[in-house]
């Protein structure tokens, strides 16, 4: 028996991927709204934010329904 079960490692990896994704999304949104000239970059930023929230919500719901132990060969 290892110190860190595979489920914990998989959950930490998924959390890090979400953290990096939202970091990149935040940087993109910040630069579009702060340095965008006119209304078009701000509309694109709003669409990007809405899409990111929907994508992350869907991924979290689907991730919660996965049985990680079924991927481990016995």
N, C-alpha and C. Protein backbone atom coordinates (compact mmCIF):
# COMPACT_ATOMS: atom_id res chain seq x y z
N UNK A 1 0.86 -1.18 0.00
CA UNK A 1 0.00 0.00 0.00
C UNK A 1 0.89 1.23 0.00
N UNK A 2 0.69 2.10 -0.95
CA UNK A 2 1.51 3.30 -1.04
C UNK A 2 0.97 4.38 -0.11
N UNK A 3 1.78 5.40 0.10
CA UNK A 3 1.39 6.50 0.98
C UNK A 3 0.24 7.29 0.34
N UNK A 4 0.33 7.57 -0.95
CA UNK A 4 -0.70 8.30 -1.67
C UNK A 4 -1.42 7.34 -2.62
N UNK A 5 -2.66 7.04 -2.35
CA UNK A 5 -3.40 6.19 -3.29
C UNK A 5 -3.55 6.89 -4.64
N UNK A 6 -3.79 6.09 -5.64
CA UNK A 6 -3.90 6.62 -7.01
C UNK A 6 -5.05 7.60 -7.14
N UNK A 7 -6.13 7.41 -6.37
CA UNK A 7 -7.27 8.31 -6.44
C UNK A 7 -6.88 9.72 -6.00
N UNK A 8 -6.10 9.83 -4.94
CA UNK A 8 -5.67 11.14 -4.44
C UNK A 8 -4.76 11.82 -5.45
N UNK A 9 -3.85 11.09 -6.04
CA UNK A 9 -2.94 11.65 -7.04
C UNK A 9 -3.73 12.14 -8.24
N UNK A 10 -4.73 11.35 -8.68
CA UNK A 10 -5.56 11.74 -9.82
C UNK A 10 -6.37 12.99 -9.51
N UNK A 11 -6.90 13.10 -8.29
CA UNK A 11 -7.67 14.28 -7.90
C UNK A 11 -6.78 15.53 -7.81
N UNK A 12 -5.58 15.38 -7.30
CA UNK A 12 -4.66 16.51 -7.23
C UNK A 12 -4.27 16.97 -8.63
N UNK A 13 -4.03 16.03 -9.53
CA UNK A 13 -3.69 16.37 -10.90
C UNK A 13 -4.84 17.09 -11.59
N UNK A 14 -6.07 16.62 -11.39
CA UNK A 14 -7.23 17.28 -11.98
C UNK A 14 -7.39 18.69 -11.41
N UNK A 15 -7.17 18.86 -10.11
CA UNK A 15 -7.25 20.18 -9.50
C UNK A 15 -6.21 21.13 -10.05
N UNK A 16 -4.99 20.64 -10.27
CA UNK A 16 -3.94 21.48 -10.85
C UNK A 16 -4.28 21.89 -12.29
N UNK A 17 -4.86 20.97 -13.04
CA UNK A 17 -5.25 21.31 -14.41
C UNK A 17 -6.31 22.40 -14.41
N UNK A 18 -7.30 22.31 -13.50
CA UNK A 18 -8.32 23.35 -13.40
C UNK A 18 -7.71 24.67 -12.96
N UNK A 19 -6.76 24.64 -12.04
CA UNK A 19 -6.11 25.86 -11.58
C UNK A 19 -5.35 26.55 -12.71
N UNK A 20 -4.61 25.78 -13.49
CA UNK A 20 -3.87 26.35 -14.61
C UNK A 20 -4.83 26.89 -15.67
N UNK A 21 -5.90 26.16 -15.95
CA UNK A 21 -6.89 26.61 -16.94
C UNK A 21 -7.50 27.94 -16.52
N UNK A 22 -7.92 28.06 -15.25
CA UNK A 22 -8.54 29.30 -14.81
C UNK A 22 -7.52 30.43 -14.68
N UNK A 23 -6.25 30.11 -14.44
CA UNK A 23 -5.21 31.14 -14.44
C UNK A 23 -5.02 31.73 -15.83
N UNK A 24 -4.95 30.87 -16.83
CA UNK A 24 -4.80 31.33 -18.21
C UNK A 24 -6.05 32.10 -18.65
N UNK A 25 -7.23 31.62 -18.26
CA UNK A 25 -8.47 32.31 -18.61
C UNK A 25 -8.52 33.69 -17.97
N UNK A 26 -8.12 33.79 -16.71
CA UNK A 26 -8.12 35.08 -16.03
C UNK A 26 -7.17 36.06 -16.71
N UNK A 27 -5.98 35.60 -17.05
CA UNK A 27 -5.01 36.48 -17.71
C UNK A 27 -5.55 36.96 -19.06
N UNK A 28 -6.17 36.05 -19.81
CA UNK A 28 -6.74 36.43 -21.11
C UNK A 28 -7.88 37.43 -20.94
N UNK A 29 -8.78 37.16 -19.99
CA UNK A 29 -9.90 38.08 -19.75
C UNK A 29 -9.41 39.44 -19.29
N UNK A 30 -8.41 39.46 -18.42
CA UNK A 30 -7.88 40.73 -17.92
C UNK A 30 -7.31 41.57 -19.06
N UNK A 31 -6.52 40.93 -19.90
CA UNK A 31 -5.90 41.69 -20.98
C UNK A 31 -6.91 42.14 -22.03
N UNK A 32 -7.92 41.33 -22.29
CA UNK A 32 -8.94 41.74 -23.25
C UNK A 32 -9.74 42.92 -22.74
N UNK A 33 -10.10 42.91 -21.45
CA UNK A 33 -10.92 44.01 -20.93
C UNK A 33 -10.08 45.24 -20.61
N UNK A 34 -8.85 45.06 -20.21
CA UNK A 34 -8.02 46.21 -19.82
C UNK A 34 -7.42 46.92 -21.02
N UNK A 35 -6.91 46.16 -21.96
CA UNK A 35 -6.16 46.75 -23.07
C UNK A 35 -6.90 46.70 -24.40
N UNK A 36 -8.11 46.14 -24.42
CA UNK A 36 -8.88 46.09 -25.66
C UNK A 36 -9.43 47.46 -26.00
N UNK A 37 -9.31 47.82 -27.26
CA UNK A 37 -9.80 49.13 -27.72
C UNK A 37 -11.16 48.90 -28.36
N UNK A 38 -12.15 49.59 -27.86
CA UNK A 38 -13.50 49.47 -28.40
C UNK A 38 -14.32 48.44 -27.63
N UNK A 39 -15.46 48.11 -28.19
CA UNK A 39 -16.41 47.22 -27.53
C UNK A 39 -16.19 45.76 -27.91
N UNK A 40 -15.64 45.50 -29.06
CA UNK A 40 -15.51 44.13 -29.56
C UNK A 40 -14.67 43.23 -28.65
N UNK A 41 -13.51 43.64 -28.14
CA UNK A 41 -12.76 42.76 -27.24
C UNK A 41 -13.52 42.47 -25.94
N UNK A 42 -14.31 43.42 -25.48
CA UNK A 42 -15.07 43.21 -24.25
C UNK A 42 -16.21 42.22 -24.48
N UNK A 43 -16.82 42.25 -25.65
CA UNK A 43 -17.84 41.26 -25.99
C UNK A 43 -17.22 39.87 -26.09
N UNK A 44 -16.04 39.80 -26.69
CA UNK A 44 -15.34 38.52 -26.79
C UNK A 44 -14.96 38.01 -25.40
N UNK A 45 -14.55 38.89 -24.51
CA UNK A 45 -14.20 38.50 -23.15
C UNK A 45 -15.41 37.96 -22.40
N UNK A 46 -16.57 38.58 -22.60
CA UNK A 46 -17.80 38.10 -21.95
C UNK A 46 -18.17 36.71 -22.48
N UNK A 47 -18.04 36.50 -23.78
CA UNK A 47 -18.33 35.19 -24.36
C UNK A 47 -17.34 34.14 -23.86
N UNK A 48 -16.07 34.52 -23.73
CA UNK A 48 -15.06 33.61 -23.21
C UNK A 48 -15.35 33.24 -21.76
N UNK A 49 -15.76 34.21 -20.96
CA UNK A 49 -16.09 33.93 -19.57
C UNK A 49 -17.28 32.99 -19.46
N UNK A 50 -18.32 33.24 -20.21
CA UNK A 50 -19.50 32.38 -20.18
C UNK A 50 -19.15 30.96 -20.63
N UNK A 51 -18.41 30.84 -21.70
CA UNK A 51 -17.99 29.52 -22.18
C UNK A 51 -17.11 28.79 -21.19
N UNK A 52 -16.22 29.51 -20.52
CA UNK A 52 -15.34 28.89 -19.53
C UNK A 52 -16.11 28.40 -18.32
N UNK A 53 -17.10 29.18 -17.88
CA UNK A 53 -17.91 28.76 -16.74
C UNK A 53 -18.71 27.51 -17.09
N UNK A 54 -19.31 27.49 -18.27
CA UNK A 54 -20.09 26.33 -18.70
C UNK A 54 -19.19 25.11 -18.86
N UNK A 55 -18.03 25.27 -19.48
CA UNK A 55 -17.09 24.16 -19.67
C UNK A 55 -16.59 23.62 -18.34
N UNK A 56 -16.23 24.50 -17.42
CA UNK A 56 -15.73 24.05 -16.12
C UNK A 56 -16.82 23.37 -15.31
N UNK A 57 -18.02 23.93 -15.34
CA UNK A 57 -19.13 23.31 -14.61
C UNK A 57 -19.43 21.92 -15.13
N UNK A 58 -19.45 21.77 -16.44
CA UNK A 58 -19.69 20.46 -17.04
C UNK A 58 -18.58 19.48 -16.69
N UNK A 59 -17.34 19.92 -16.75
CA UNK A 59 -16.21 19.04 -16.44
C UNK A 59 -16.23 18.61 -14.98
N UNK A 60 -16.60 19.52 -14.07
CA UNK A 60 -16.64 19.17 -12.66
C UNK A 60 -17.76 18.17 -12.39
N UNK A 61 -18.93 18.39 -12.99
CA UNK A 61 -20.04 17.46 -12.80
C UNK A 61 -19.68 16.08 -13.35
N UNK A 62 -19.08 16.03 -14.53
CA UNK A 62 -18.69 14.74 -15.09
C UNK A 62 -17.57 14.08 -14.29
N UNK A 63 -16.64 14.87 -13.76
CA UNK A 63 -15.54 14.32 -12.96
C UNK A 63 -16.06 13.71 -11.66
N UNK A 64 -17.09 14.32 -11.08
CA UNK A 64 -17.64 13.80 -9.83
C UNK A 64 -18.33 12.45 -10.04
N UNK A 65 -18.79 12.16 -11.26
CA UNK A 65 -19.48 10.91 -11.54
C UNK A 65 -18.56 9.78 -11.98
N UNK A 66 -17.25 10.02 -12.08
CA UNK A 66 -16.31 9.01 -12.51
C UNK A 66 -15.89 8.15 -11.32
N UNK A 67 -15.90 6.84 -11.52
CA UNK A 67 -15.38 5.93 -10.52
C UNK A 67 -13.90 5.65 -10.87
N UNK A 68 -13.00 6.31 -10.15
CA UNK A 68 -11.58 6.24 -10.48
C UNK A 68 -11.03 4.84 -10.25
N UNK A 69 -11.55 4.14 -9.26
CA UNK A 69 -11.02 2.81 -8.97
C UNK A 69 -11.31 1.80 -10.09
N UNK A 70 -12.27 2.09 -10.97
CA UNK A 70 -12.54 1.18 -12.08
C UNK A 70 -11.44 1.24 -13.14
N UNK A 71 -10.62 2.28 -13.14
CA UNK A 71 -9.52 2.37 -14.09
C UNK A 71 -8.28 1.59 -13.66
N UNK A 72 -8.24 1.22 -12.39
CA UNK A 72 -7.07 0.50 -11.85
C UNK A 72 -7.25 -0.99 -12.10
N UNK A 73 -6.29 -1.61 -12.80
CA UNK A 73 -6.42 -3.06 -13.02
C UNK A 73 -6.19 -3.80 -11.70
N UNK A 74 -6.98 -4.84 -11.50
CA UNK A 74 -6.88 -5.62 -10.25
C UNK A 74 -5.96 -6.80 -10.41
